[in-house]
C-alpha cells in the first residue's frame, strides 16, 4: 500500500526478470486469495 505508482518507494532489489516480463513487484510476505488479480477480474476489465 505504501508503494507509489511511479515505484519511487519500491525497493529496487525486488525487481526480478521473469521470462518476458519485468517481474513481480510484490511483497515477500504471504498473500491470501484476496490479494491477487484473478482471471475473472481480467475478463471483466477487458469488457
ModelCIF file with pLDDT and N, C-alpha, C, O atoms, coordinates in Angstrom:
data_MODEL
#
_entry.id   MODEL 
#
_entity.id                         1 
_entity.type                       polymer 
_entity.pdbx_number_of_molecules   1 
#
_entity_poly.entity_id                      1 
_entity_poly.type                           'polypeptide(L)' 
_entity_poly.nstd_linkage                   no 
_entity_poly.nstd_monomer                   no 
_entity_poly.pdbx_seq_one_letter_code       
;(UNK)(UNK)(UNK)(UNK)(UNK)(UNK)(UNK)(UNK)(UNK)(UNK)(UNK)(UNK)(UNK)(UNK)(UNK)(UNK)
(UNK)(UNK)(UNK)(UNK)(UNK)(UNK)(UNK)(UNK)(UNK)(UNK)(UNK)(UNK)(UNK)(UNK)(UNK)(UNK)
(UNK)(UNK)(UNK)(UNK)(UNK)(UNK)(UNK)(UNK)(UNK)(UNK)(UNK)(UNK)(UNK)(UNK)(UNK)
;
_entity_poly.pdbx_seq_one_letter_code_can   XXXXXXXXXXXXXXXXXXXXXXXXXXXXXXXXXXXXXXXXXXXXXXX 
_entity_poly.pdbx_strand_id                 A 
#
loop_
_entity_poly_seq.entity_id 
_entity_poly_seq.num 
_entity_poly_seq.mon_id 
_entity_poly_seq.hetero 
1 1  UNK n 
1 2  UNK n 
1 3  UNK n 
1 4  UNK n 
1 5  UNK n 
1 6  UNK n 
1 7  UNK n 
1 8  UNK n 
1 9  UNK n 
1 10 UNK n 
1 11 UNK n 
1 12 UNK n 
1 13 UNK n 
1 14 UNK n 
1 15 UNK n 
1 16 UNK n 
1 17 UNK n 
1 18 UNK n 
1 19 UNK n 
1 20 UNK n 
1 21 UNK n 
1 22 UNK n 
1 23 UNK n 
1 24 UNK n 
1 25 UNK n 
1 26 UNK n 
1 27 UNK n 
1 28 UNK n 
1 29 UNK n 
1 30 UNK n 
1 31 UNK n 
1 32 UNK n 
1 33 UNK n 
1 34 UNK n 
1 35 UNK n 
1 36 UNK n 
1 37 UNK n 
1 38 UNK n 
1 39 UNK n 
1 40 UNK n 
1 41 UNK n 
1 42 UNK n 
1 43 UNK n 
1 44 UNK n 
1 45 UNK n 
1 46 UNK n 
1 47 UNK n 
#
_struct_asym.id          A 
_struct_asym.entity_id   1 
#
loop_
_ma_qa_metric.id 
_ma_qa_metric.mode 
_ma_qa_metric.name 
_ma_qa_metric.software_group_id 
_ma_qa_metric.type 
1 global pLDDT . pLDDT 
2 local  pLDDT . pLDDT 
#
_ma_qa_metric_global.metric_id      1 
_ma_qa_metric_global.metric_value   56.55 
_ma_qa_metric_global.model_id       1 
_ma_qa_metric_global.ordinal_id     1 
#
loop_
_ma_qa_metric_local.label_asym_id 
_ma_qa_metric_local.label_comp_id 
_ma_qa_metric_local.label_seq_id 
_ma_qa_metric_local.metric_id 
_ma_qa_metric_local.metric_value 
_ma_qa_metric_local.model_id 
_ma_qa_metric_local.ordinal_id 
A UNK 1  2 75.00 1 1  
A UNK 2  2 70.00 1 2  
A UNK 3  2 64.00 1 3  
A UNK 4  2 58.00 1 4  
A UNK 5  2 56.00 1 5  
A UNK 6  2 51.00 1 6  
A UNK 7  2 48.00 1 7  
A UNK 8  2 42.00 1 8  
A UNK 9  2 39.00 1 9  
A UNK 10 2 40.00 1 10 
A UNK 11 2 39.00 1 11 
A UNK 12 2 34.00 1 12 
A UNK 13 2 35.00 1 13 
A UNK 14 2 35.00 1 14 
A UNK 15 2 34.00 1 15 
A UNK 16 2 31.00 1 16 
A UNK 17 2 29.00 1 17 
A UNK 18 2 30.00 1 18 
A UNK 19 2 30.00 1 19 
A UNK 20 2 28.00 1 20 
A UNK 21 2 30.00 1 21 
A UNK 22 2 30.00 1 22 
A UNK 23 2 33.00 1 23 
A UNK 24 2 34.00 1 24 
A UNK 25 2 37.00 1 25 
A UNK 26 2 38.00 1 26 
A UNK 27 2 40.00 1 27 
A UNK 28 2 42.00 1 28 
A UNK 29 2 50.00 1 29 
A UNK 30 2 63.00 1 30 
A UNK 31 2 67.00 1 31 
A UNK 32 2 70.00 1 32 
A UNK 33 2 68.00 1 33 
A UNK 34 2 75.00 1 34 
A UNK 35 2 78.00 1 35 
A UNK 36 2 83.00 1 36 
A UNK 37 2 85.00 1 37 
A UNK 38 2 83.00 1 38 
A UNK 39 2 83.00 1 39 
A UNK 40 2 86.00 1 40 
A UNK 41 2 88.00 1 41 
A UNK 42 2 87.00 1 42 
A UNK 43 2 87.00 1 43 
A UNK 44 2 89.00 1 44 
A UNK 45 2 89.00 1 45 
A UNK 46 2 87.00 1 46 
A UNK 47 2 88.00 1 47 
#
loop_
_atom_site.group_PDB 
_atom_site.id 
_atom_site.type_symbol 
_atom_site.label_atom_id 
_atom_site.label_alt_id 
_atom_site.label_comp_id 
_atom_site.label_asym_id 
_atom_site.label_entity_id 
_atom_site.label_seq_id 
_atom_site.pdbx_PDB_ins_code 
_atom_site.Cartn_x 
_atom_site.Cartn_y 
_atom_site.Cartn_z 
_atom_site.occupancy 
_atom_site.B_iso_or_equiv 
_atom_site.pdbx_formal_charge 
_atom_site.auth_seq_id 
_atom_site.auth_comp_id 
_atom_site.auth_asym_id 
_atom_site.auth_atom_id 
_atom_site.pdbx_PDB_model_num 
ATOM 1   N N  . UNK A 1 1  ? 0.807   -1.220  0.000   1.00 75.00 ? 1  UNK A N  1 
ATOM 2   C CA . UNK A 1 1  ? 0.000   0.000   0.000   1.00 75.00 ? 1  UNK A CA 1 
ATOM 3   C C  . UNK A 1 1  ? 0.839   1.269   0.000   1.00 75.00 ? 1  UNK A C  1 
ATOM 4   O O  . UNK A 1 1  ? 0.398   2.296   -0.514  1.00 75.00 ? 1  UNK A O  1 
ATOM 5   N N  . UNK A 1 2  ? 2.050   1.215   0.572   1.00 70.00 ? 2  UNK A N  1 
ATOM 6   C CA . UNK A 1 2  ? 2.868   2.425   0.649   1.00 70.00 ? 2  UNK A CA 1 
ATOM 7   C C  . UNK A 1 2  ? 3.733   2.642   -0.585  1.00 70.00 ? 2  UNK A C  1 
ATOM 8   O O  . UNK A 1 2  ? 4.575   3.541   -0.600  1.00 70.00 ? 2  UNK A O  1 
ATOM 9   N N  . UNK A 1 3  ? 3.536   1.828   -1.622  1.00 64.00 ? 3  UNK A N  1 
ATOM 10  C CA . UNK A 1 3  ? 4.306   1.983   -2.864  1.00 64.00 ? 3  UNK A CA 1 
ATOM 11  C C  . UNK A 1 3  ? 3.618   2.987   -3.775  1.00 64.00 ? 3  UNK A C  1 
ATOM 12  O O  . UNK A 1 3  ? 2.420   2.877   -4.036  1.00 64.00 ? 3  UNK A O  1 
ATOM 13  N N  . UNK A 1 4  ? 4.386   3.978   -4.264  1.00 58.00 ? 4  UNK A N  1 
ATOM 14  C CA . UNK A 1 4  ? 3.832   4.967   -5.183  1.00 58.00 ? 4  UNK A CA 1 
ATOM 15  C C  . UNK A 1 4  ? 3.660   4.355   -6.564  1.00 58.00 ? 4  UNK A C  1 
ATOM 16  O O  . UNK A 1 4  ? 4.303   3.361   -6.902  1.00 58.00 ? 4  UNK A O  1 
ATOM 17  N N  . UNK A 1 5  ? 2.776   4.966   -7.365  1.00 56.00 ? 5  UNK A N  1 
ATOM 18  C CA . UNK A 1 5  ? 2.571   4.466   -8.727  1.00 56.00 ? 5  UNK A CA 1 
ATOM 19  C C  . UNK A 1 5  ? 3.799   4.653   -9.598  1.00 56.00 ? 5  UNK A C  1 
ATOM 20  O O  . UNK A 1 5  ? 3.959   3.960   -10.603 1.00 56.00 ? 5  UNK A O  1 
ATOM 21  N N  . UNK A 1 6  ? 4.682   5.595   -9.217  1.00 51.00 ? 6  UNK A N  1 
ATOM 22  C CA . UNK A 1 6  ? 5.908   5.764   -10.009 1.00 51.00 ? 6  UNK A CA 1 
ATOM 23  C C  . UNK A 1 6  ? 7.031   4.864   -9.498  1.00 51.00 ? 6  UNK A C  1 
ATOM 24  O O  . UNK A 1 6  ? 8.171   4.955   -9.953  1.00 51.00 ? 6  UNK A O  1 
ATOM 25  N N  . UNK A 1 7  ? 6.683   3.973   -8.525  1.00 48.00 ? 7  UNK A N  1 
ATOM 26  C CA . UNK A 1 7  ? 7.612   2.993   -7.964  1.00 48.00 ? 7  UNK A CA 1 
ATOM 27  C C  . UNK A 1 7  ? 8.753   3.620   -7.175  1.00 48.00 ? 7  UNK A C  1 
ATOM 28  O O  . UNK A 1 7  ? 9.725   2.939   -6.849  1.00 48.00 ? 7  UNK A O  1 
ATOM 29  N N  . UNK A 1 8  ? 8.648   4.924   -6.860  1.00 42.00 ? 8  UNK A N  1 
ATOM 30  C CA . UNK A 1 8  ? 9.758   5.578   -6.169  1.00 42.00 ? 8  UNK A CA 1 
ATOM 31  C C  . UNK A 1 8  ? 9.958   5.044   -4.760  1.00 42.00 ? 8  UNK A C  1 
ATOM 32  O O  . UNK A 1 8  ? 11.057  5.131   -4.212  1.00 42.00 ? 8  UNK A O  1 
ATOM 33  N N  . UNK A 1 9  ? 8.902   4.491   -4.171  1.00 39.00 ? 9  UNK A N  1 
ATOM 34  C CA . UNK A 1 9  ? 9.027   3.970   -2.806  1.00 39.00 ? 9  UNK A CA 1 
ATOM 35  C C  . UNK A 1 9  ? 9.312   2.482   -2.785  1.00 39.00 ? 9  UNK A C  1 
ATOM 36  O O  . UNK A 1 9  ? 9.429   1.876   -1.720  1.00 39.00 ? 9  UNK A O  1 
ATOM 37  N N  . UNK A 1 10 ? 9.423   1.891   -3.980  1.00 40.00 ? 10 UNK A N  1 
ATOM 38  C CA . UNK A 1 10 ? 9.639   0.442   -4.003  1.00 40.00 ? 10 UNK A CA 1 
ATOM 39  C C  . UNK A 1 10 ? 11.117  0.118   -4.014  1.00 40.00 ? 10 UNK A C  1 
ATOM 40  O O  . UNK A 1 10 ? 11.910  0.785   -4.679  1.00 40.00 ? 10 UNK A O  1 
ATOM 41  N N  . UNK A 1 11 ? 11.470  -0.893  -3.285  1.00 39.00 ? 11 UNK A N  1 
ATOM 42  C CA . UNK A 1 11 ? 12.870  -1.316  -3.194  1.00 39.00 ? 11 UNK A CA 1 
ATOM 43  C C  . UNK A 1 11 ? 13.282  -1.978  -4.499  1.00 39.00 ? 11 UNK A C  1 
ATOM 44  O O  . UNK A 1 11 ? 12.684  -2.973  -4.911  1.00 39.00 ? 11 UNK A O  1 
ATOM 45  N N  . UNK A 1 12 ? 14.309  -1.426  -5.155  1.00 34.00 ? 12 UNK A N  1 
ATOM 46  C CA . UNK A 1 12 ? 14.727  -1.917  -6.471  1.00 34.00 ? 12 UNK A CA 1 
ATOM 47  C C  . UNK A 1 12 ? 15.122  -3.385  -6.434  1.00 34.00 ? 12 UNK A C  1 
ATOM 48  O O  . UNK A 1 12 ? 14.980  -4.085  -7.436  1.00 34.00 ? 12 UNK A O  1 
ATOM 49  N N  . UNK A 1 13 ? 15.617  -3.863  -5.295  1.00 35.00 ? 13 UNK A N  1 
ATOM 50  C CA . UNK A 1 13 ? 16.117  -5.231  -5.253  1.00 35.00 ? 13 UNK A CA 1 
ATOM 51  C C  . UNK A 1 13 ? 15.002  -6.260  -5.466  1.00 35.00 ? 13 UNK A C  1 
ATOM 52  O O  . UNK A 1 13 ? 15.281  -7.426  -5.744  1.00 35.00 ? 13 UNK A O  1 
ATOM 53  N N  . UNK A 1 14 ? 13.729  -5.828  -5.335  1.00 35.00 ? 14 UNK A N  1 
ATOM 54  C CA . UNK A 1 14 ? 12.641  -6.773  -5.558  1.00 35.00 ? 14 UNK A CA 1 
ATOM 55  C C  . UNK A 1 14 ? 12.305  -6.924  -7.039  1.00 35.00 ? 14 UNK A C  1 
ATOM 56  O O  . UNK A 1 14 ? 11.505  -7.786  -7.403  1.00 35.00 ? 14 UNK A O  1 
ATOM 57  N N  . UNK A 1 15 ? 12.902  -6.099  -7.896  1.00 34.00 ? 15 UNK A N  1 
ATOM 58  C CA . UNK A 1 15 ? 12.635  -6.208  -9.325  1.00 34.00 ? 15 UNK A CA 1 
ATOM 59  C C  . UNK A 1 15 ? 13.382  -7.398  -9.893  1.00 34.00 ? 15 UNK A C  1 
ATOM 60  O O  . UNK A 1 15 ? 14.612  -7.428  -9.868  1.00 34.00 ? 15 UNK A O  1 
ATOM 61  N N  . UNK A 1 16 ? 12.648  -8.385  -10.408 1.00 31.00 ? 16 UNK A N  1 
ATOM 62  C CA . UNK A 1 16 ? 13.277  -9.588  -10.939 1.00 31.00 ? 16 UNK A CA 1 
ATOM 63  C C  . UNK A 1 16 ? 12.889  -9.777  -12.394 1.00 31.00 ? 16 UNK A C  1 
ATOM 64  O O  . UNK A 1 16 ? 11.795  -9.395  -12.810 1.00 31.00 ? 16 UNK A O  1 
ATOM 65  N N  . UNK A 1 17 ? 13.776  -10.358 -13.152 1.00 29.00 ? 17 UNK A N  1 
ATOM 66  C CA . UNK A 1 17 ? 13.485  -10.672 -14.540 1.00 29.00 ? 17 UNK A CA 1 
ATOM 67  C C  . UNK A 1 17 ? 12.839  -12.043 -14.595 1.00 29.00 ? 17 UNK A C  1 
ATOM 68  O O  . UNK A 1 17 ? 13.388  -13.023 -14.090 1.00 29.00 ? 17 UNK A O  1 
ATOM 69  N N  . UNK A 1 18 ? 11.675  -12.103 -15.209 1.00 30.00 ? 18 UNK A N  1 
ATOM 70  C CA . UNK A 1 18 ? 10.914  -13.341 -15.187 1.00 30.00 ? 18 UNK A CA 1 
ATOM 71  C C  . UNK A 1 18 ? 10.334  -13.561 -16.584 1.00 30.00 ? 18 UNK A C  1 
ATOM 72  O O  . UNK A 1 18 ? 9.266   -13.036 -16.899 1.00 30.00 ? 18 UNK A O  1 
ATOM 73  N N  . UNK A 1 19 ? 11.021  -14.322 -17.412 1.00 30.00 ? 19 UNK A N  1 
ATOM 74  C CA . UNK A 1 19 ? 10.536  -14.526 -18.776 1.00 30.00 ? 19 UNK A CA 1 
ATOM 75  C C  . UNK A 1 19 ? 10.614  -13.218 -19.534 1.00 30.00 ? 19 UNK A C  1 
ATOM 76  O O  . UNK A 1 19 ? 11.654  -12.560 -19.545 1.00 30.00 ? 19 UNK A O  1 
ATOM 77  N N  . UNK A 1 20 ? 9.510   -12.838 -20.169 1.00 28.00 ? 20 UNK A N  1 
ATOM 78  C CA . UNK A 1 20 ? 9.476   -11.600 -20.935 1.00 28.00 ? 20 UNK A CA 1 
ATOM 79  C C  . UNK A 1 20 ? 8.968   -10.417 -20.128 1.00 28.00 ? 20 UNK A C  1 
ATOM 80  O O  . UNK A 1 20 ? 8.884   -9.306  -20.652 1.00 28.00 ? 20 UNK A O  1 
ATOM 81  N N  . UNK A 1 21 ? 8.633   -10.632 -18.879 1.00 30.00 ? 21 UNK A N  1 
ATOM 82  C CA . UNK A 1 21 ? 8.123   -9.532  -18.088 1.00 30.00 ? 21 UNK A CA 1 
ATOM 83  C C  . UNK A 1 21 ? 9.204   -9.056  -17.141 1.00 30.00 ? 21 UNK A C  1 
ATOM 84  O O  . UNK A 1 21 ? 10.276  -9.653  -17.043 1.00 30.00 ? 21 UNK A O  1 
ATOM 85  N N  . UNK A 1 22 ? 8.905   -7.978  -16.449 1.00 30.00 ? 22 UNK A N  1 
ATOM 86  C CA . UNK A 1 22 ? 9.910   -7.369  -15.603 1.00 30.00 ? 22 UNK A CA 1 
ATOM 87  C C  . UNK A 1 22 ? 9.882   -7.904  -14.189 1.00 30.00 ? 22 UNK A C  1 
ATOM 88  O O  . UNK A 1 22 ? 10.673  -7.467  -13.353 1.00 30.00 ? 22 UNK A O  1 
ATOM 89  N N  . UNK A 1 23 ? 9.000   -8.829  -13.900 1.00 33.00 ? 23 UNK A N  1 
ATOM 90  C CA . UNK A 1 23 ? 8.995   -9.431  -12.584 1.00 33.00 ? 23 UNK A CA 1 
ATOM 91  C C  . UNK A 1 23 ? 7.743   -9.126  -11.806 1.00 33.00 ? 23 UNK A C  1 
ATOM 92  O O  . UNK A 1 23 ? 6.856   -8.419  -12.284 1.00 33.00 ? 23 UNK A O  1 
ATOM 93  N N  . UNK A 1 24 ? 7.673   -9.657  -10.616 1.00 34.00 ? 24 UNK A N  1 
ATOM 94  C CA . UNK A 1 24 ? 6.516   -9.481  -9.755  1.00 34.00 ? 24 UNK A CA 1 
ATOM 95  C C  . UNK A 1 24 ? 6.873   -8.533  -8.635  1.00 34.00 ? 24 UNK A C  1 
ATOM 96  O O  . UNK A 1 24 ? 7.525   -8.923  -7.666  1.00 34.00 ? 24 UNK A O  1 
ATOM 97  N N  . UNK A 1 25 ? 6.444   -7.276  -8.764  1.00 37.00 ? 25 UNK A N  1 
ATOM 98  C CA . UNK A 1 25 ? 6.766   -6.288  -7.755  1.00 37.00 ? 25 UNK A CA 1 
ATOM 99  C C  . UNK A 1 25 ? 5.790   -6.425  -6.590  1.00 37.00 ? 25 UNK A C  1 
ATOM 100 O O  . UNK A 1 25 ? 4.941   -5.560  -6.375  1.00 37.00 ? 25 UNK A O  1 
ATOM 101 N N  . UNK A 1 26 ? 5.914   -7.476  -5.872  1.00 38.00 ? 26 UNK A N  1 
ATOM 102 C CA . UNK A 1 26 ? 5.005   -7.740  -4.763  1.00 38.00 ? 26 UNK A CA 1 
ATOM 103 C C  . UNK A 1 26 ? 5.796   -8.005  -3.506  1.00 38.00 ? 26 UNK A C  1 
ATOM 104 O O  . UNK A 1 26 ? 6.990   -8.303  -3.554  1.00 38.00 ? 26 UNK A O  1 
ATOM 105 N N  . UNK A 1 27 ? 5.119   -7.894  -2.383  1.00 40.00 ? 27 UNK A N  1 
ATOM 106 C CA . UNK A 1 27 ? 5.790   -8.098  -1.112  1.00 40.00 ? 27 UNK A CA 1 
ATOM 107 C C  . UNK A 1 27 ? 6.202   -9.544  -0.947  1.00 40.00 ? 27 UNK A C  1 
ATOM 108 O O  . UNK A 1 27 ? 5.606   -10.455 -1.522  1.00 40.00 ? 27 UNK A O  1 
ATOM 109 N N  . UNK A 1 28 ? 7.246   -9.732  -0.142  1.00 42.00 ? 28 UNK A N  1 
ATOM 110 C CA . UNK A 1 28 ? 7.727   -11.089 0.088   1.00 42.00 ? 28 UNK A CA 1 
ATOM 111 C C  . UNK A 1 28 ? 6.854   -11.842 1.086   1.00 42.00 ? 28 UNK A C  1 
ATOM 112 O O  . UNK A 1 28 ? 7.027   -13.047 1.268   1.00 42.00 ? 28 UNK A O  1 
ATOM 113 N N  . UNK A 1 29 ? 5.910   -11.143 1.742   1.00 50.00 ? 29 UNK A N  1 
ATOM 114 C CA . UNK A 1 29 ? 5.053   -11.807 2.717   1.00 50.00 ? 29 UNK A CA 1 
ATOM 115 C C  . UNK A 1 29 ? 3.990   -12.632 2.013   1.00 50.00 ? 29 UNK A C  1 
ATOM 116 O O  . UNK A 1 29 ? 3.711   -12.420 0.833   1.00 50.00 ? 29 UNK A O  1 
ATOM 117 N N  . UNK A 1 30 ? 3.399   -13.571 2.735   1.00 63.00 ? 30 UNK A N  1 
ATOM 118 C CA . UNK A 1 30 ? 2.392   -14.459 2.162   1.00 63.00 ? 30 UNK A CA 1 
ATOM 119 C C  . UNK A 1 30 ? 1.131   -13.688 1.817   1.00 63.00 ? 30 UNK A C  1 
ATOM 120 O O  . UNK A 1 30 ? 0.749   -12.751 2.518   1.00 63.00 ? 30 UNK A O  1 
ATOM 121 N N  . UNK A 1 31 ? 0.491   -14.092 0.729   1.00 67.00 ? 31 UNK A N  1 
ATOM 122 C CA . UNK A 1 31 ? -0.751  -13.455 0.296   1.00 67.00 ? 31 UNK A CA 1 
ATOM 123 C C  . UNK A 1 31 ? -1.911  -14.426 0.440   1.00 67.00 ? 31 UNK A C  1 
ATOM 124 O O  . UNK A 1 31 ? -1.748  -15.643 0.354   1.00 67.00 ? 31 UNK A O  1 
ATOM 125 N N  . UNK A 1 32 ? -3.092  -13.849 0.664   1.00 70.00 ? 32 UNK A N  1 
ATOM 126 C CA . UNK A 1 32 ? -4.319  -14.646 0.655   1.00 70.00 ? 32 UNK A CA 1 
ATOM 127 C C  . UNK A 1 32 ? -4.950  -14.532 -0.723  1.00 70.00 ? 32 UNK A C  1 
ATOM 128 O O  . UNK A 1 32 ? -4.450  -13.794 -1.572  1.00 70.00 ? 32 UNK A O  1 
ATOM 129 N N  . UNK A 1 33 ? -6.037  -15.249 -0.956  1.00 68.00 ? 33 UNK A N  1 
ATOM 130 C CA . UNK A 1 33 ? -6.699  -15.223 -2.264  1.00 68.00 ? 33 UNK A CA 1 
ATOM 131 C C  . UNK A 1 33 ? -7.192  -13.823 -2.621  1.00 68.00 ? 33 UNK A C  1 
ATOM 132 O O  . UNK A 1 33 ? -7.321  -13.498 -3.801  1.00 68.00 ? 33 UNK A O  1 
ATOM 133 N N  . UNK A 1 34 ? -7.469  -12.990 -1.615  1.00 75.00 ? 34 UNK A N  1 
ATOM 134 C CA . UNK A 1 34 ? -7.990  -11.645 -1.870  1.00 75.00 ? 34 UNK A CA 1 
ATOM 135 C C  . UNK A 1 34 ? -6.895  -10.656 -2.263  1.00 75.00 ? 34 UNK A C  1 
ATOM 136 O O  . UNK A 1 34 ? -7.180  -9.499  -2.570  1.00 75.00 ? 34 UNK A O  1 
ATOM 137 N N  . UNK A 1 35 ? -5.656  -11.106 -2.253  1.00 78.00 ? 35 UNK A N  1 
ATOM 138 C CA . UNK A 1 35 ? -4.532  -10.208 -2.539  1.00 78.00 ? 35 UNK A CA 1 
ATOM 139 C C  . UNK A 1 35 ? -4.030  -10.322 -3.978  1.00 78.00 ? 35 UNK A C  1 
ATOM 140 O O  . UNK A 1 35 ? -2.997  -9.744  -4.314  1.00 78.00 ? 35 UNK A O  1 
ATOM 141 N N  . UNK A 1 36 ? -4.733  -11.045 -4.818  1.00 83.00 ? 36 UNK A N  1 
ATOM 142 C CA . UNK A 1 36 ? -4.290  -11.273 -6.196  1.00 83.00 ? 36 UNK A CA 1 
ATOM 143 C C  . UNK A 1 36 ? -5.273  -10.680 -7.207  1.00 83.00 ? 36 UNK A C  1 
ATOM 144 O O  . UNK A 1 36 ? -6.432  -10.404 -6.898  1.00 83.00 ? 36 UNK A O  1 
ATOM 145 N N  . UNK A 1 37 ? -4.765  -10.497 -8.416  1.00 85.00 ? 37 UNK A N  1 
ATOM 146 C CA . UNK A 1 37 ? -5.630  -10.194 -9.556  1.00 85.00 ? 37 UNK A CA 1 
ATOM 147 C C  . UNK A 1 37 ? -6.094  -11.536 -10.115 1.00 85.00 ? 37 UNK A C  1 
ATOM 148 O O  . UNK A 1 37 ? -5.269  -12.378 -10.467 1.00 85.00 ? 37 UNK A O  1 
ATOM 149 N N  . UNK A 1 38 ? -7.384  -11.736 -10.198 1.00 83.00 ? 38 UNK A N  1 
ATOM 150 C CA . UNK A 1 38 ? -7.921  -13.025 -10.630 1.00 83.00 ? 38 UNK A CA 1 
ATOM 151 C C  . UNK A 1 38 ? -8.282  -13.012 -12.110 1.00 83.00 ? 38 UNK A C  1 
ATOM 152 O O  . UNK A 1 38 ? -8.365  -11.959 -12.741 1.00 83.00 ? 38 UNK A O  1 
ATOM 153 N N  . UNK A 1 39 ? -8.492  -14.204 -12.639 1.00 83.00 ? 39 UNK A N  1 
ATOM 154 C CA . UNK A 1 39 ? -8.894  -14.334 -14.043 1.00 83.00 ? 39 UNK A CA 1 
ATOM 155 C C  . UNK A 1 39 ? -10.230 -13.651 -14.295 1.00 83.00 ? 39 UNK A C  1 
ATOM 156 O O  . UNK A 1 39 ? -10.422 -13.035 -15.343 1.00 83.00 ? 39 UNK A O  1 
ATOM 157 N N  . UNK A 1 40 ? -11.153 -13.754 -13.349 1.00 86.00 ? 40 UNK A N  1 
ATOM 158 C CA . UNK A 1 40 ? -12.463 -13.109 -13.502 1.00 86.00 ? 40 UNK A CA 1 
ATOM 159 C C  . UNK A 1 40 ? -12.320 -11.594 -13.567 1.00 86.00 ? 40 UNK A C  1 
ATOM 160 O O  . UNK A 1 40 ? -13.008 -10.932 -14.344 1.00 86.00 ? 40 UNK A O  1 
ATOM 161 N N  . UNK A 1 41 ? -11.418 -11.043 -12.744 1.00 88.00 ? 41 UNK A N  1 
ATOM 162 C CA . UNK A 1 41 ? -11.178 -9.595  -12.795 1.00 88.00 ? 41 UNK A CA 1 
ATOM 163 C C  . UNK A 1 41 ? -10.685 -9.169  -14.174 1.00 88.00 ? 41 UNK A C  1 
ATOM 164 O O  . UNK A 1 41 ? -11.110 -8.147  -14.712 1.00 88.00 ? 41 UNK A O  1 
ATOM 165 N N  . UNK A 1 42 ? -9.779  -9.973  -14.738 1.00 87.00 ? 42 UNK A N  1 
ATOM 166 C CA . UNK A 1 42 ? -9.198  -9.631  -16.040 1.00 87.00 ? 42 UNK A CA 1 
ATOM 167 C C  . UNK A 1 42 ? -10.262 -9.683  -17.129 1.00 87.00 ? 42 UNK A C  1 
ATOM 168 O O  . UNK A 1 42 ? -10.293 -8.822  -18.008 1.00 87.00 ? 42 UNK A O  1 
ATOM 169 N N  . UNK A 1 43 ? -11.133 -10.685 -17.075 1.00 87.00 ? 43 UNK A N  1 
ATOM 170 C CA . UNK A 1 43 ? -12.232 -10.770 -18.049 1.00 87.00 ? 43 UNK A CA 1 
ATOM 171 C C  . UNK A 1 43 ? -13.130 -9.539  -17.939 1.00 87.00 ? 43 UNK A C  1 
ATOM 172 O O  . UNK A 1 43 ? -13.483 -8.933  -18.951 1.00 87.00 ? 43 UNK A O  1 
ATOM 173 N N  . UNK A 1 44 ? -13.498 -9.172  -16.712 1.00 89.00 ? 44 UNK A N  1 
ATOM 174 C CA . UNK A 1 44 ? -14.351 -8.007  -16.508 1.00 89.00 ? 44 UNK A CA 1 
ATOM 175 C C  . UNK A 1 44 ? -13.664 -6.727  -16.967 1.00 89.00 ? 44 UNK A C  1 
ATOM 176 O O  . UNK A 1 44 ? -14.310 -5.830  -17.509 1.00 89.00 ? 44 UNK A O  1 
ATOM 177 N N  . UNK A 1 45 ? -12.344 -6.645  -16.748 1.00 89.00 ? 45 UNK A N  1 
ATOM 178 C CA . UNK A 1 45 ? -11.578 -5.476  -17.181 1.00 89.00 ? 45 UNK A CA 1 
ATOM 179 C C  . UNK A 1 45 ? -11.639 -5.321  -18.696 1.00 89.00 ? 45 UNK A C  1 
ATOM 180 O O  . UNK A 1 45 ? -11.843 -4.217  -19.202 1.00 89.00 ? 45 UNK A O  1 
ATOM 181 N N  . UNK A 1 46 ? -11.465 -6.409  -19.411 1.00 87.00 ? 46 UNK A N  1 
ATOM 182 C CA . UNK A 1 46 ? -11.491 -6.357  -20.886 1.00 87.00 ? 46 UNK A CA 1 
ATOM 183 C C  . UNK A 1 46 ? -12.868 -5.946  -21.403 1.00 87.00 ? 46 UNK A C  1 
ATOM 184 O O  . UNK A 1 46 ? -12.977 -5.279  -22.431 1.00 87.00 ? 46 UNK A O  1 
ATOM 185 N N  . UNK A 1 47 ? -13.908 -6.344  -20.690 1.00 88.00 ? 47 UNK A N  1 
ATOM 186 C CA . UNK A 1 47 ? -15.271 -5.969  -21.095 1.00 88.00 ? 47 UNK A CA 1 
ATOM 187 C C  . UNK A 1 47 ? -15.564 -4.512  -20.759 1.00 88.00 ? 47 UNK A C  1 
ATOM 188 O O  . UNK A 1 47 ? -16.662 -4.025  -21.028 1.00 88.00 ? 47 UNK A O  1 
#
